[in-house]
C-alpha atoms as a PDB file:
ATOM      1  CA  UNK A   1     -53.272  -3.487  46.092  1.00  0.00           C
ATOM      2  CA  UNK A   2     -52.235  -1.216  48.972  1.00  0.00           C
ATOM      3  CA  UNK A   3     -51.060   1.313  49.910  1.00  0.00           C
ATOM      4  CA  UNK A   4     -47.530   2.851  47.764  1.00  0.00           C
ATOM      5  CA  UNK A   5     -48.533  -0.134  44.523  1.00  0.00           C
ATOM      6  CA  UNK A   6     -46.921   2.571  42.209  1.00  0.00           C
ATOM      7  CA  UNK A   7     -48.701  -0.080  39.481  1.00  0.00           C
ATOM      8  CA  UNK A   8     -52.149  -0.148  40.289  1.00  0.00           C
ATOM      9  CA  UNK A   9     -52.778   3.638  40.735  1.00  0.00           C
ATOM     10  CA  UNK A  10     -51.652   4.551  38.114  1.00  0.00           C
ATOM     11  CA  UNK A  11     -53.662   1.863  36.574  1.00  0.00           C
ATOM     12  CA  UNK A  12     -56.838   3.303  37.732  1.00  0.00           C
ATOM     13  CA  UNK A  13     -55.739   6.671  36.867  1.00  0.00           C
ATOM     14  CA  UNK A  14     -56.023   4.865  33.155  1.00  0.00           C
ATOM     15  CA  UNK A  15     -59.505   3.033  33.420  1.00  0.00           C
ATOM     16  CA  UNK A  16     -60.682   6.612  34.801  1.00  0.00           C
ATOM     17  CA  UNK A  17     -59.931   8.228  31.816  1.00  0.00           C
ATOM     18  CA  UNK A  18     -61.467   5.393  29.192  1.00  0.00           C
ATOM     19  CA  UNK A  19     -64.655   5.394  31.528  1.00  0.00           C
ATOM     20  CA  UNK A  20     -64.959   8.554  31.668  1.00  0.00           C
ATOM     21  CA  UNK A  21     -62.884   9.941  27.778  1.00  0.00           C
ATOM     22  CA  UNK A  22     -62.613  13.573  27.828  1.00  0.00           C
ATOM     23  CA  UNK A  23     -63.553  13.475  23.818  1.00  0.00           C
ATOM     24  CA  UNK A  24     -67.247  12.440  25.452  1.00  0.00           C
ATOM     25  CA  UNK A  25     -67.990  14.116  28.431  1.00  0.00           C
ATOM     26  CA  UNK A  26     -65.766  18.139  28.729  1.00  0.00           C
ATOM     27  CA  UNK A  27     -67.578  18.355  31.901  1.00  0.00           C
ATOM     28  CA  UNK A  28     -66.407  15.437  33.630  1.00  0.00           C
ATOM     29  CA  UNK A  29     -63.803  13.899  31.590  1.00  0.00           C
ATOM     30  CA  UNK A  30     -60.735  15.699  32.449  1.00  0.00           C
ATOM     31  CA  UNK A  31     -60.742  15.068  36.249  1.00  0.00           C
ATOM     32  CA  UNK A  32     -58.705  11.487  35.654  1.00  0.00           C
ATOM     33  CA  UNK A  33     -56.599  13.625  33.736  1.00  0.00           C
ATOM     34  CA  UNK A  34     -56.213  16.045  36.728  1.00  0.00           C
ATOM     35  CA  UNK A  35     -55.953  12.952  38.896  1.00  0.00           C
ATOM     36  CA  UNK A  36     -53.433  10.863  36.760  1.00  0.00           C
ATOM     37  CA  UNK A  37     -50.863  13.838  36.543  1.00  0.00           C
ATOM     38  CA  UNK A  38     -51.068  13.653  40.571  1.00  0.00           C
ATOM     39  CA  UNK A  39     -50.646  10.049  40.526  1.00  0.00           C
ATOM     40  CA  UNK A  40     -47.707  10.566  37.794  1.00  0.00           C
ATOM     41  CA  UNK A  41     -46.367  12.636  39.216  1.00  0.00           C
ATOM     42  CA  UNK A  42     -46.298  11.809  43.511  1.00  0.00           C
ATOM     43  CA  UNK A  43     -44.807   8.514  41.527  1.00  0.00           C
ATOM     44  CA  UNK A  44     -41.773   9.650  40.102  1.00  0.00           C
ATOM     45  CA  UNK A  45     -43.490   9.239  36.190  1.00  0.00           C
ATOM     46  CA  UNK A  46     -42.542  13.365  34.997  1.00  0.00           C
ATOM     47  CA  UNK A  47     -43.276  13.047  31.642  1.00  0.00           C
ATOM     48  CA  UNK A  48     -46.666  11.246  32.861  1.00  0.00           C
ATOM     49  CA  UNK A  49     -47.196  14.134  34.970  1.00  0.00           C
ATOM     50  CA  UNK A  50     -46.741  17.319  32.863  1.00  0.00           C
ATOM     51  CA  UNK A  51     -48.809  15.685  29.674  1.00  0.00           C
ATOM     52  CA  UNK A  52     -50.926  15.818  31.828  1.00  0.00           C
ATOM     53  CA  UNK A  53     -51.410  18.991  33.008  1.00  0.00           C
ATOM     54  CA  UNK A  54     -50.271  20.403  29.582  1.00  0.00           C
ATOM     55  CA  UNK A  55     -53.448  19.223  28.582  1.00  0.00           C
ATOM     56  CA  UNK A  56     -56.015  20.280  31.822  1.00  0.00           C
ATOM     57  CA  UNK A  57     -53.962  23.549  30.922  1.00  0.00           C
ATOM     58  CA  UNK A  58     -54.703  24.182  27.145  1.00  0.00           C
ATOM     59  CA  UNK A  59     -59.007  23.746  28.059  1.00  0.00           C
ATOM     60  CA  UNK A  60     -61.533  25.478  30.657  1.00  0.00           C
ATOM     61  CA  UNK A  61     -61.630  23.490  33.043  1.00  0.00           C
ATOM     62  CA  UNK A  62     -62.478  24.371  36.402  1.00  0.00           C
ATOM     63  CA  UNK A  63     -60.347  21.552  38.671  1.00  0.00           C
ATOM     64  CA  UNK A  64     -60.841  18.234  40.762  1.00  0.00           C
ATOM     65  CA  UNK A  65     -60.349  19.665  44.103  1.00  0.00           C
ATOM     66  CA  UNK A  66     -62.616  22.330  45.322  1.00  0.00           C
ATOM     67  CA  UNK A  67     -65.729  22.625  42.208  1.00  0.00           C
ATOM     68  CA  UNK A  68     -65.535  26.238  40.899  1.00  0.00           C
ATOM     69  CA  UNK A  69     -61.728  26.291  41.322  1.00  0.00           C
ATOM     70  CA  UNK A  70     -60.046  26.867  38.011  1.00  0.00           C
ATOM     71  CA  UNK A  71     -56.517  25.071  37.386  1.00  0.00           C
ATOM     72  CA  UNK A  72     -54.167  27.527  37.100  1.00  0.00           C
ATOM     73  CA  UNK A  73     -50.043  27.524  36.345  1.00  0.00           C
ATOM     74  CA  UNK A  74     -50.806  29.883  40.024  1.00  0.00           C
ATOM     75  CA  UNK A  75     -51.461  27.457  41.560  1.00  0.00           C
ATOM     76  CA  UNK A  76     -50.033  25.070  39.938  1.00  0.00           C
ATOM     77  CA  UNK A  77     -47.136  26.472  41.198  1.00  0.00           C
ATOM     78  CA  UNK A  78     -48.232  26.685  44.868  1.00  0.00           C
ATOM     79  CA  UNK A  79     -50.053  22.204  45.616  1.00  0.00           C
ATOM     80  CA  UNK A  80     -47.455  19.881  47.314  1.00  0.00           C
ATOM     81  CA  UNK A  81     -48.651  17.155  45.657  1.00  0.00           C
ATOM     82  CA  UNK A  82     -46.316  18.755  42.063  1.00  0.00           C
ATOM     83  CA  UNK A  83     -43.396  19.831  44.235  1.00  0.00           C
ATOM     84  CA  UNK A  84     -41.384  16.479  42.445  1.00  0.00           C
ATOM     85  CA  UNK A  85     -42.046  18.673  39.323  1.00  0.00           C
ATOM     86  CA  UNK A  86     -40.129  21.491  41.000  1.00  0.00           C
ATOM     87  CA  UNK A  87     -37.306  21.217  38.764  1.00  0.00           C
ATOM     88  CA  UNK A  88     -37.971  20.015  36.132  1.00  0.00           C
ATOM     89  CA  UNK A  89     -37.505  22.649  33.278  1.00  0.00           C
ATOM     90  CA  UNK A  90     -40.987  22.092  31.348  1.00  0.00           C
ATOM     91  CA  UNK A  91     -43.143  22.191  35.053  1.00  0.00           C
ATOM     92  CA  UNK A  92     -41.106  25.426  35.387  1.00  0.00           C
ATOM     93  CA  UNK A  93     -42.388  26.570  31.896  1.00  0.00           C
ATOM     94  CA  UNK A  94     -46.376  25.615  32.608  1.00  0.00           C
ATOM     95  CA  UNK A  95     -46.364  27.371  35.633  1.00  0.00           C
ATOM     96  CA  UNK A  96     -44.788  30.812  34.831  1.00  0.00           C
ATOM     97  CA  UNK A  97     -46.664  33.195  35.894  1.00  0.00           C
ATOM     98  CA  UNK A  98     -49.208  34.170  32.260  1.00  0.00           C
ATOM     99  CA  UNK A  99     -50.338  37.242  34.419  1.00  0.00           C
ATOM    100  CA  UNK A 100     -51.585  40.854  32.402  1.00  0.00           C
ATOM    101  CA  UNK A 101     -48.254  42.545  32.366  1.00  0.00           C
ATOM    102  CA  UNK A 102     -48.766  45.906  34.715  1.00  0.00           C
ATOM    103  CA  UNK A 103     -48.896  49.681  33.401  1.00  0.00           C
ATOM    104  CA  UNK A 104     -46.020  51.540  33.915  1.00  0.00           C
ATOM    105  CA  UNK A 105     -46.096  54.393  36.185  1.00  0.00           C
ATOM    106  CA  UNK A 106     -45.679  56.985  33.075  1.00  0.00           C
ATOM    107  CA  UNK A 107     -48.798  55.237  30.556  1.00  0.00           C
ATOM    108  CA  UNK A 108     -51.639  55.359  33.723  1.00  0.00           C
END
């Protein structure tokens, strides 16, 4: 196993998810799912990456890379790890802004 070993990377991500399933550990379980999303995005597996991201965005989760920094659509838009997914309409939909609507000056 070495750098560029796509199959091994995906197998290890799957093993991590099996070792710490989200159903049994709501705090640590999402981390392997994020790792899978990152590995899948970088190795040309957009279906797996987007499915994992969809799951992560549907639950309360603080992200694997920085403690206390939640994984959000805004963060996904900025993270270069997900560059291979940028043109995928499913990724664009996932990362669409969910910011609150601004009030117009006349409504203040």
